[in-house]
mmCIF file of all heavy atoms, coordinates in Angstrom:
data_MODEL
# 
_entry.id   MODEL 
# 
loop_
_atom_site.group_PDB 
_atom_site.id 
_atom_site.type_symbol 
_atom_site.label_atom_id 
_atom_site.label_alt_id 
_atom_site.label_comp_id 
_atom_site.label_asym_id 
_atom_site.label_entity_id 
_atom_site.label_seq_id 
_atom_site.pdbx_PDB_ins_code 
_atom_site.Cartn_x 
_atom_site.Cartn_y 
_atom_site.Cartn_z 
_atom_site.occupancy 
_atom_site.B_iso_or_equiv 
_atom_site.pdbx_formal_charge 
_atom_site.auth_seq_id 
_atom_site.auth_comp_id 
_atom_site.auth_asym_id 
_atom_site.auth_atom_id 
_atom_site.pdbx_PDB_model_num 
ATOM 1   N N   . PRO A 1 1  ? 87.231  100.078 87.870  1.00 0.00 ? 1  PRO A N   1 
ATOM 2   C CA  . PRO A 1 1  ? 87.819  101.402 87.688  1.00 0.00 ? 1  PRO A CA  1 
ATOM 3   C C   . PRO A 1 1  ? 87.653  102.247 88.956  1.00 0.00 ? 1  PRO A C   1 
ATOM 4   O O   . PRO A 1 1  ? 86.683  102.094 89.693  1.00 0.00 ? 1  PRO A O   1 
ATOM 5   C CB  . PRO A 1 1  ? 87.014  101.992 86.526  1.00 0.00 ? 1  PRO A CB  1 
ATOM 6   C CG  . PRO A 1 1  ? 86.607  100.797 85.738  1.00 0.00 ? 1  PRO A CG  1 
ATOM 7   C CD  . PRO A 1 1  ? 86.284  99.763  86.795  1.00 0.00 ? 1  PRO A CD  1 
ATOM 8   N N   . THR A 1 2  ? 88.620  103.116 89.178  1.00 0.00 ? 2  THR A N   1 
ATOM 9   C CA  . THR A 1 2  ? 88.632  103.942 90.378  1.00 0.00 ? 2  THR A CA  1 
ATOM 10  C C   . THR A 1 2  ? 88.782  105.419 90.016  1.00 0.00 ? 2  THR A C   1 
ATOM 11  O O   . THR A 1 2  ? 89.264  105.743 88.933  1.00 0.00 ? 2  THR A O   1 
ATOM 12  C CB  . THR A 1 2  ? 89.783  103.528 91.323  1.00 0.00 ? 2  THR A CB  1 
ATOM 13  O OG1 . THR A 1 2  ? 89.763  104.348 92.490  1.00 0.00 ? 2  THR A OG1 1 
ATOM 14  C CG2 . THR A 1 2  ? 91.143  103.657 90.654  1.00 0.00 ? 2  THR A CG2 1 
ATOM 15  N N   . ASN A 1 3  ? 88.369  106.276 90.904  1.00 0.00 ? 3  ASN A N   1 
ATOM 16  C CA  . ASN A 1 3  ? 88.560  107.719 90.712  1.00 0.00 ? 3  ASN A CA  1 
ATOM 17  C C   . ASN A 1 3  ? 89.693  108.245 91.581  1.00 0.00 ? 3  ASN A C   1 
ATOM 18  O O   . ASN A 1 3  ? 89.974  109.435 91.590  1.00 0.00 ? 3  ASN A O   1 
ATOM 19  C CB  . ASN A 1 3  ? 87.263  108.492 90.999  1.00 0.00 ? 3  ASN A CB  1 
ATOM 20  C CG  . ASN A 1 3  ? 86.861  108.439 92.461  1.00 0.00 ? 3  ASN A CG  1 
ATOM 21  O OD1 . ASN A 1 3  ? 87.304  107.587 93.223  1.00 0.00 ? 3  ASN A OD1 1 
ATOM 22  N ND2 . ASN A 1 3  ? 85.982  109.341 92.853  1.00 0.00 ? 3  ASN A ND2 1 
ATOM 23  N N   . THR A 1 4  ? 90.371  107.373 92.312  1.00 0.00 ? 4  THR A N   1 
ATOM 24  C CA  . THR A 1 4  ? 91.430  107.804 93.214  1.00 0.00 ? 4  THR A CA  1 
ATOM 25  C C   . THR A 1 4  ? 92.699  108.188 92.461  1.00 0.00 ? 4  THR A C   1 
ATOM 26  O O   . THR A 1 4  ? 92.950  107.713 91.355  1.00 0.00 ? 4  THR A O   1 
ATOM 27  C CB  . THR A 1 4  ? 91.775  106.715 94.238  1.00 0.00 ? 4  THR A CB  1 
ATOM 28  O OG1 . THR A 1 4  ? 92.303  105.589 93.546  1.00 0.00 ? 4  THR A OG1 1 
ATOM 29  C CG2 . THR A 1 4  ? 90.558  106.317 95.051  1.00 0.00 ? 4  THR A CG2 1 
ATOM 30  N N   . CYS A 1 5  ? 93.463  109.057 93.090  1.00 0.00 ? 5  CYS A N   1 
ATOM 31  C CA  . CYS A 1 5  ? 94.716  109.534 92.490  1.00 0.00 ? 5  CYS A CA  1 
ATOM 32  C C   . CYS A 1 5  ? 95.775  109.644 93.577  1.00 0.00 ? 5  CYS A C   1 
ATOM 33  O O   . CYS A 1 5  ? 95.460  109.767 94.759  1.00 0.00 ? 5  CYS A O   1 
ATOM 34  C CB  . CYS A 1 5  ? 94.508  110.915 91.874  1.00 0.00 ? 5  CYS A CB  1 
ATOM 35  S SG  . CYS A 1 5  ? 93.207  110.951 90.634  1.00 0.00 ? 5  CYS A SG  1 
ATOM 36  N N   . GLU A 1 6  ? 97.024  109.601 93.157  1.00 0.00 ? 6  GLU A N   1 
ATOM 37  C CA  . GLU A 1 6  ? 98.124  109.807 94.082  1.00 0.00 ? 6  GLU A CA  1 
ATOM 38  C C   . GLU A 1 6  ? 99.290  110.458 93.368  1.00 0.00 ? 6  GLU A C   1 
ATOM 39  O O   . GLU A 1 6  ? 99.326  110.523 92.144  1.00 0.00 ? 6  GLU A O   1 
ATOM 40  C CB  . GLU A 1 6  ? 98.536  108.509 94.771  1.00 0.00 ? 6  GLU A CB  1 
ATOM 41  C CG  . GLU A 1 6  ? 98.840  107.341 93.860  1.00 0.00 ? 6  GLU A CG  1 
ATOM 42  C CD  . GLU A 1 6  ? 98.943  106.030 94.641  1.00 0.00 ? 6  GLU A CD  1 
ATOM 43  O OE1 . GLU A 1 6  ? 99.904  105.892 95.427  1.00 0.00 ? 6  GLU A OE1 1 
ATOM 44  O OE2 . GLU A 1 6  ? 98.087  105.159 94.453  1.00 0.00 ? 6  GLU A OE2 1 
ATOM 45  N N   . ILE A 1 7  ? 100.214 110.963 94.159  1.00 0.00 ? 7  ILE A N   1 
ATOM 46  C CA  . ILE A 1 7  ? 101.384 111.668 93.646  1.00 0.00 ? 7  ILE A CA  1 
ATOM 47  C C   . ILE A 1 7  ? 102.628 110.909 94.080  1.00 0.00 ? 7  ILE A C   1 
ATOM 48  O O   . ILE A 1 7  ? 102.760 110.546 95.262  1.00 0.00 ? 7  ILE A O   1 
ATOM 49  C CB  . ILE A 1 7  ? 101.452 113.109 94.224  1.00 0.00 ? 7  ILE A CB  1 
ATOM 50  C CG1 . ILE A 1 7  ? 100.253 113.938 93.780  1.00 0.00 ? 7  ILE A CG1 1 
ATOM 51  C CG2 . ILE A 1 7  ? 102.774 113.782 93.853  1.00 0.00 ? 7  ILE A CG2 1 
ATOM 52  C CD1 . ILE A 1 7  ? 100.304 114.460 92.376  1.00 0.00 ? 7  ILE A CD1 1 
ATOM 53  N N   . TYR A 1 8  ? 103.543 110.684 93.120  1.00 0.00 ? 8  TYR A N   1 
ATOM 54  C CA  . TYR A 1 8  ? 104.853 110.146 93.464  1.00 0.00 ? 8  TYR A CA  1 
ATOM 55  C C   . TYR A 1 8  ? 105.834 111.310 93.546  1.00 0.00 ? 8  TYR A C   1 
ATOM 56  O O   . TYR A 1 8  ? 105.915 112.127 92.634  1.00 0.00 ? 8  TYR A O   1 
ATOM 57  C CB  . TYR A 1 8  ? 105.347 109.149 92.413  1.00 0.00 ? 8  TYR A CB  1 
ATOM 58  C CG  . TYR A 1 8  ? 106.770 108.733 92.654  1.00 0.00 ? 8  TYR A CG  1 
ATOM 59  C CD1 . TYR A 1 8  ? 107.118 107.943 93.746  1.00 0.00 ? 8  TYR A CD1 1 
ATOM 60  C CD2 . TYR A 1 8  ? 107.791 109.157 91.806  1.00 0.00 ? 8  TYR A CD2 1 
ATOM 61  C CE1 . TYR A 1 8  ? 108.438 107.590 93.983  1.00 0.00 ? 8  TYR A CE1 1 
ATOM 62  C CE2 . TYR A 1 8  ? 109.109 108.802 92.015  1.00 0.00 ? 8  TYR A CE2 1 
ATOM 63  C CZ  . TYR A 1 8  ? 109.426 108.007 93.118  1.00 0.00 ? 8  TYR A CZ  1 
ATOM 64  O OH  . TYR A 1 8  ? 110.730 107.658 93.346  1.00 0.00 ? 8  TYR A OH  1 
ATOM 65  N N   . ASN A 1 9  ? 106.567 111.375 94.648  1.00 0.00 ? 9  ASN A N   1 
ATOM 66  C CA  . ASN A 1 9  ? 107.583 112.411 94.839  1.00 0.00 ? 9  ASN A CA  1 
ATOM 67  C C   . ASN A 1 9  ? 108.960 111.742 94.788  1.00 0.00 ? 9  ASN A C   1 
ATOM 68  O O   . ASN A 1 9  ? 109.314 110.984 95.700  1.00 0.00 ? 9  ASN A O   1 
ATOM 69  C CB  . ASN A 1 9  ? 107.385 113.112 96.187  1.00 0.00 ? 9  ASN A CB  1 
ATOM 70  C CG  . ASN A 1 9  ? 108.320 114.274 96.366  1.00 0.00 ? 9  ASN A CG  1 
ATOM 71  O OD1 . ASN A 1 9  ? 109.409 114.324 95.786  1.00 0.00 ? 9  ASN A OD1 1 
ATOM 72  N ND2 . ASN A 1 9  ? 107.906 115.241 97.175  1.00 0.00 ? 9  ASN A ND2 1 
ATOM 73  N N   . PRO A 1 10 ? 109.752 111.994 93.735  1.00 0.00 ? 10 PRO A N   1 
ATOM 74  C CA  . PRO A 1 10 ? 111.051 111.340 93.622  1.00 0.00 ? 10 PRO A CA  1 
ATOM 75  C C   . PRO A 1 10 ? 112.056 111.800 94.679  1.00 0.00 ? 10 PRO A C   1 
ATOM 76  O O   . PRO A 1 10 ? 113.003 111.078 94.982  1.00 0.00 ? 10 PRO A O   1 
ATOM 77  C CB  . PRO A 1 10 ? 111.530 111.721 92.211  1.00 0.00 ? 10 PRO A CB  1 
ATOM 78  C CG  . PRO A 1 10 ? 110.767 112.928 91.841  1.00 0.00 ? 10 PRO A CG  1 
ATOM 79  C CD  . PRO A 1 10 ? 109.471 112.861 92.579  1.00 0.00 ? 10 PRO A CD  1 
ATOM 80  N N   . VAL A 1 11 ? 111.853 112.979 95.267  1.00 0.00 ? 11 VAL A N   1 
ATOM 81  C CA  . VAL A 1 11 ? 112.759 113.467 96.314  1.00 0.00 ? 11 VAL A CA  1 
ATOM 82  C C   . VAL A 1 11 ? 112.616 112.612 97.564  1.00 0.00 ? 11 VAL A C   1 
ATOM 83  O O   . VAL A 1 11 ? 113.605 112.224 98.189  1.00 0.00 ? 11 VAL A O   1 
ATOM 84  C CB  . VAL A 1 11 ? 112.496 114.963 96.624  1.00 0.00 ? 11 VAL A CB  1 
ATOM 85  C CG1 . VAL A 1 11 ? 113.323 115.429 97.803  1.00 0.00 ? 11 VAL A CG1 1 
ATOM 86  C CG2 . VAL A 1 11 ? 112.777 115.807 95.387  1.00 0.00 ? 11 VAL A CG2 1 
ATOM 87  N N   . THR A 1 12 ? 111.369 112.303 97.941  1.00 0.00 ? 12 THR A N   1 
ATOM 88  C CA  . THR A 1 12 ? 111.132 111.492 99.142  1.00 0.00 ? 12 THR A CA  1 
ATOM 89  C C   . THR A 1 12 ? 110.992 110.004 98.804  1.00 0.00 ? 12 THR A C   1 
ATOM 90  O O   . THR A 1 12 ? 110.930 109.185 99.714  1.00 0.00 ? 12 THR A O   1 
ATOM 91  C CB  . THR A 1 12 ? 109.852 111.962 99.854  1.00 0.00 ? 12 THR A CB  1 
ATOM 92  O OG1 . THR A 1 12 ? 108.737 111.807 98.966  1.00 0.00 ? 12 THR A OG1 1 
ATOM 93  C CG2 . THR A 1 12 ? 109.976 113.408 100.289 1.00 0.00 ? 12 THR A CG2 1 
ATOM 94  N N   . ASN A 1 13 ? 110.911 109.694 97.493  1.00 0.00 ? 13 ASN A N   1 
ATOM 95  C CA  . ASN A 1 13 ? 110.712 108.314 97.021  1.00 0.00 ? 13 ASN A CA  1 
ATOM 96  C C   . ASN A 1 13 ? 109.469 107.699 97.670  1.00 0.00 ? 13 ASN A C   1 
ATOM 97  O O   . ASN A 1 13 ? 109.482 106.574 98.149  1.00 0.00 ? 13 ASN A O   1 
ATOM 98  C CB  . ASN A 1 13 ? 111.944 107.446 97.291  1.00 0.00 ? 13 ASN A CB  1 
ATOM 99  C CG  . ASN A 1 13 ? 111.888 106.138 96.510  1.00 0.00 ? 13 ASN A CG  1 
ATOM 100 O OD1 . ASN A 1 13 ? 111.381 106.070 95.395  1.00 0.00 ? 13 ASN A OD1 1 
ATOM 101 N ND2 . ASN A 1 13 ? 112.412 105.085 97.109  1.00 0.00 ? 13 ASN A ND2 1 
ATOM 102 N N   . ALA A 1 14 ? 108.375 108.478 97.689  1.00 0.00 ? 14 ALA A N   1 
ATOM 103 C CA  . ALA A 1 14 ? 107.155 108.021 98.336  1.00 0.00 ? 14 ALA A CA  1 
ATOM 104 C C   . ALA A 1 14 ? 105.927 108.521 97.570  1.00 0.00 ? 14 ALA A C   1 
ATOM 105 O O   . ALA A 1 14 ? 105.993 109.487 96.824  1.00 0.00 ? 14 ALA A O   1 
ATOM 106 C CB  . ALA A 1 14 ? 107.111 108.533 99.776  1.00 0.00 ? 14 ALA A CB  1 
ATOM 107 N N   . PHE A 1 15 ? 104.819 107.825 97.792  1.00 0.00 ? 15 PHE A N   1 
ATOM 108 C CA  . PHE A 1 15 ? 103.521 108.191 97.223  1.00 0.00 ? 15 PHE A CA  1 
ATOM 109 C C   . PHE A 1 15 ? 102.667 108.831 98.294  1.00 0.00 ? 15 PHE A C   1 
ATOM 110 O O   . PHE A 1 15 ? 102.739 108.452 99.462  1.00 0.00 ? 15 PHE A O   1 
ATOM 111 C CB  . PHE A 1 15 ? 102.802 106.932 96.701  1.00 0.00 ? 15 PHE A CB  1 
ATOM 112 C CG  . PHE A 1 15 ? 103.431 106.341 95.485  1.00 0.00 ? 15 PHE A CG  1 
ATOM 113 C CD1 . PHE A 1 15 ? 104.389 105.349 95.606  1.00 0.00 ? 15 PHE A CD1 1 
ATOM 114 C CD2 . PHE A 1 15 ? 103.072 106.759 94.217  1.00 0.00 ? 15 PHE A CD2 1 
ATOM 115 C CE1 . PHE A 1 15 ? 104.983 104.801 94.484  1.00 0.00 ? 15 PHE A CE1 1 
ATOM 116 C CE2 . PHE A 1 15 ? 103.658 106.227 93.086  1.00 0.00 ? 15 PHE A CE2 1 
ATOM 117 C CZ  . PHE A 1 15 ? 104.619 105.236 93.217  1.00 0.00 ? 15 PHE A CZ  1 
ATOM 118 N N   . SER A 1 16 ? 101.839 109.794 97.879  1.00 0.00 ? 16 SER A N   1 
ATOM 119 C CA  . SER A 1 16 ? 100.859 110.382 98.797  1.00 0.00 ? 16 SER A CA  1 
ATOM 120 C C   . SER A 1 16 ? 99.551  110.555 98.040  1.00 0.00 ? 16 SER A C   1 
ATOM 121 O O   . SER A 1 16 ? 99.547  110.754 96.816  1.00 0.00 ? 16 SER A O   1 
ATOM 122 C CB  . SER A 1 16 ? 101.347 111.734 99.334  1.00 0.00 ? 16 SER A CB  1 
ATOM 123 O OG  . SER A 1 16 ? 101.564 112.629 98.270  1.00 0.00 ? 16 SER A OG  1 
ATOM 124 N N   . SER A 1 17 ? 98.462  110.455 98.762  1.00 0.00 ? 17 SER A N   1 
ATOM 125 C CA  . SER A 1 17 ? 97.146  110.614 98.149  1.00 0.00 ? 17 SER A CA  1 
ATOM 126 C C   . SER A 1 17 ? 96.933  112.070 97.768  1.00 0.00 ? 17 SER A C   1 
ATOM 127 O O   . SER A 1 17 ? 97.487  112.979 98.371  1.00 0.00 ? 17 SER A O   1 
ATOM 128 C CB  . SER A 1 17 ? 96.050  110.178 99.114  1.00 0.00 ? 17 SER A CB  1 
ATOM 129 O OG  . SER A 1 17 ? 96.168  108.805 99.381  1.00 0.00 ? 17 SER A OG  1 
ATOM 130 N N   . THR A 1 18 ? 96.102  112.278 96.738  1.00 0.00 ? 18 THR A N   1 
ATOM 131 C CA  . THR A 1 18 ? 95.692  113.611 96.337  1.00 0.00 ? 18 THR A CA  1 
ATOM 132 C C   . THR A 1 18 ? 94.216  113.545 95.985  1.00 0.00 ? 18 THR A C   1 
ATOM 133 O O   . THR A 1 18 ? 93.604  112.479 96.093  1.00 0.00 ? 18 THR A O   1 
ATOM 134 C CB  . THR A 1 18 ? 96.572  114.146 95.182  1.00 0.00 ? 18 THR A CB  1 
ATOM 135 O OG1 . THR A 1 18 ? 96.269  115.527 94.981  1.00 0.00 ? 18 THR A OG1 1 
ATOM 136 C CG2 . THR A 1 18 ? 96.373  113.366 93.903  1.00 0.00 ? 18 THR A CG2 1 
ATOM 137 N N   . GLY A 1 19 ? 93.633  114.650 95.550  1.00 0.00 ? 19 GLY A N   1 
ATOM 138 C CA  . GLY A 1 19 ? 92.211  114.701 95.256  1.00 0.00 ? 19 GLY A CA  1 
ATOM 139 C C   . GLY A 1 19 ? 91.767  113.643 94.259  1.00 0.00 ? 19 GLY A C   1 
ATOM 140 O O   . GLY A 1 19 ? 92.519  113.250 93.368  1.00 0.00 ? 19 GLY A O   1 
ATOM 141 N N   . SER A 1 20 ? 90.524  113.194 94.414  1.00 0.00 ? 20 SER A N   1 
ATOM 142 C CA  . SER A 1 20 ? 89.951  112.185 93.519  1.00 0.00 ? 20 SER A CA  1 
ATOM 143 C C   . SER A 1 20 ? 89.224  112.842 92.362  1.00 0.00 ? 20 SER A C   1 
ATOM 144 O O   . SER A 1 20 ? 88.663  113.932 92.493  1.00 0.00 ? 20 SER A O   1 
ATOM 145 C CB  . SER A 1 20 ? 88.954  111.303 94.278  1.00 0.00 ? 20 SER A CB  1 
ATOM 146 O OG  . SER A 1 20 ? 89.629  110.548 95.257  1.00 0.00 ? 20 SER A OG  1 
ATOM 147 N N   . MET A 1 21 ? 89.226  112.171 91.218  1.00 0.00 ? 21 MET A N   1 
ATOM 148 C CA  . MET A 1 21 ? 88.503  112.653 90.041  1.00 0.00 ? 21 MET A CA  1 
ATOM 149 C C   . MET A 1 21 ? 87.003  112.572 90.286  1.00 0.00 ? 21 MET A C   1 
ATOM 150 O O   . MET A 1 21 ? 86.547  111.841 91.158  1.00 0.00 ? 21 MET A O   1 
ATOM 151 C CB  . MET A 1 21 ? 88.846  111.778 88.821  1.00 0.00 ? 21 MET A CB  1 
ATOM 152 C CG  . MET A 1 21 ? 90.305  111.798 88.432  1.00 0.00 ? 21 MET A CG  1 
ATOM 153 S SD  . MET A 1 21 ? 90.638  110.712 87.028  1.00 0.00 ? 21 MET A SD  1 
ATOM 154 C CE  . MET A 1 21 ? 90.371  109.086 87.753  1.00 0.00 ? 21 MET A CE  1 
ATOM 155 N N   . GLY A 1 22 ? 86.239  113.280 89.473  1.00 0.00 ? 22 GLY A N   1 
ATOM 156 C CA  . GLY A 1 22 ? 84.791  113.232 89.574  1.00 0.00 ? 22 GLY A CA  1 
ATOM 157 C C   . GLY A 1 22 ? 84.206  111.917 89.072  1.00 0.00 ? 22 GLY A C   1 
ATOM 158 O O   . GLY A 1 22 ? 83.144  111.498 89.511  1.00 0.00 ? 22 GLY A O   1 
ATOM 159 N N   . ASN A 1 23 ? 84.904  111.259 88.140  1.00 0.00 ? 23 ASN A N   1 
ATOM 160 C CA  . ASN A 1 23 ? 84.467  109.971 87.593  1.00 0.00 ? 23 ASN A CA  1 
ATOM 161 C C   . ASN A 1 23 ? 85.522  108.909 87.822  1.00 0.00 ? 23 ASN A C   1 
ATOM 162 O O   . ASN A 1 23 ? 86.715  109.205 87.769  1.00 0.00 ? 23 ASN A O   1 
ATOM 163 C CB  . ASN A 1 23 ? 84.266  110.060 86.060  1.00 0.00 ? 23 ASN A CB  1 
ATOM 164 C CG  . ASN A 1 23 ? 83.000  110.780 85.690  1.00 0.00 ? 23 ASN A CG  1 
ATOM 165 O OD1 . ASN A 1 23 ? 81.935  110.473 86.196  1.00 0.00 ? 23 ASN A OD1 1 
ATOM 166 N ND2 . ASN A 1 23 ? 83.122  111.744 84.802  1.00 0.00 ? 23 ASN A ND2 1 
ATOM 167 N N   . GLN A 1 24 ? 85.091  107.675 88.043  1.00 0.00 ? 24 GLN A N   1 
ATOM 168 C CA  . GLN A 1 24 ? 86.057  106.580 88.007  1.00 0.00 ? 24 GLN A CA  1 
ATOM 169 C C   . GLN A 1 24 ? 86.368  106.333 86.527  1.00 0.00 ? 24 GLN A C   1 
ATOM 170 O O   . GLN A 1 24 ? 85.483  106.453 85.690  1.00 0.00 ? 24 GLN A O   1 
ATOM 171 C CB  . GLN A 1 24 ? 85.514  105.331 88.692  1.00 0.00 ? 24 GLN A CB  1 
ATOM 172 C CG  . GLN A 1 24 ? 84.282  104.770 88.049  1.00 0.00 ? 24 GLN A CG  1 
ATOM 173 C CD  . GLN A 1 24 ? 83.196  104.498 89.042  1.00 0.00 ? 24 GLN A CD  1 
ATOM 174 O OE1 . GLN A 1 24 ? 83.068  105.203 90.031  1.00 0.00 ? 24 GLN A OE1 1 
ATOM 175 N NE2 . GLN A 1 24 ? 82.394  103.495 88.782  1.00 0.00 ? 24 GLN A NE2 1 
ATOM 176 N N   . ARG A 1 25 ? 87.628  106.025 86.220  1.00 0.00 ? 25 ARG A N   1 
ATOM 177 C CA  . ARG A 1 25 ? 88.060  105.879 84.832  1.00 0.00 ? 25 ARG A CA  1 
ATOM 178 C C   . ARG A 1 25 ? 89.187  104.869 84.710  1.00 0.00 ? 25 ARG A C   1 
ATOM 179 O O   . ARG A 1 25 ? 90.062  104.816 85.551  1.00 0.00 ? 25 ARG A O   1 
ATOM 180 C CB  . ARG A 1 25 ? 88.620  107.183 84.267  1.00 0.00 ? 25 ARG A CB  1 
ATOM 181 C CG  . ARG A 1 25 ? 87.686  108.346 84.209  1.00 0.00 ? 25 ARG A CG  1 
ATOM 182 C CD  . ARG A 1 25 ? 88.454  109.598 83.771  1.00 0.00 ? 25 ARG A CD  1 
ATOM 183 N NE  . ARG A 1 25 ? 87.635  110.767 83.919  1.00 0.00 ? 25 ARG A NE  1 
ATOM 184 C CZ  . ARG A 1 25 ? 86.913  111.289 82.941  1.00 0.00 ? 25 ARG A CZ  1 
ATOM 185 N NH1 . ARG A 1 25 ? 86.938  110.763 81.739  1.00 0.00 ? 25 ARG A NH1 1 
ATOM 186 N NH2 . ARG A 1 25 ? 86.172  112.350 83.143  1.00 0.00 ? 25 ARG A NH2 1 
ATOM 187 N N   . ALA A 1 26 ? 89.156  104.142 83.602  1.00 0.00 ? 26 ALA A N   1 
ATOM 188 C CA  . ALA A 1 26 ? 90.272  103.300 83.176  1.00 0.00 ? 26 ALA A CA  1 
ATOM 189 C C   . ALA A 1 26 ? 90.365  103.423 81.661  1.00 0.00 ? 26 ALA A C   1 
ATOM 190 O O   . ALA A 1 26 ? 89.359  103.647 80.992  1.00 0.00 ? 26 ALA A O   1 
ATOM 191 C CB  . ALA A 1 26 ? 90.041  101.851 83.581  1.00 0.00 ? 26 ALA A CB  1 
ATOM 192 N N   . GLY A 1 27 ? 91.569  103.301 81.124  1.00 0.00 ? 27 GLY A N   1 
ATOM 193 C CA  . GLY A 1 27 ? 91.740  103.423 79.680  1.00 0.00 ? 27 GLY A CA  1 
ATOM 194 C C   . GLY A 1 27 ? 91.566  104.838 79.181  1.00 0.00 ? 27 GLY A C   1 
ATOM 195 O O   . GLY A 1 27 ? 91.226  105.064 78.028  1.00 0.00 ? 27 GLY A O   1 
# 
């Protein structure tokens, strides 16, 4: 499990990193 996050922007059709959560989580 990871705490990383990213944003998909449909205008640019690309992903960019954003702030990470305080806890790693799955499910």
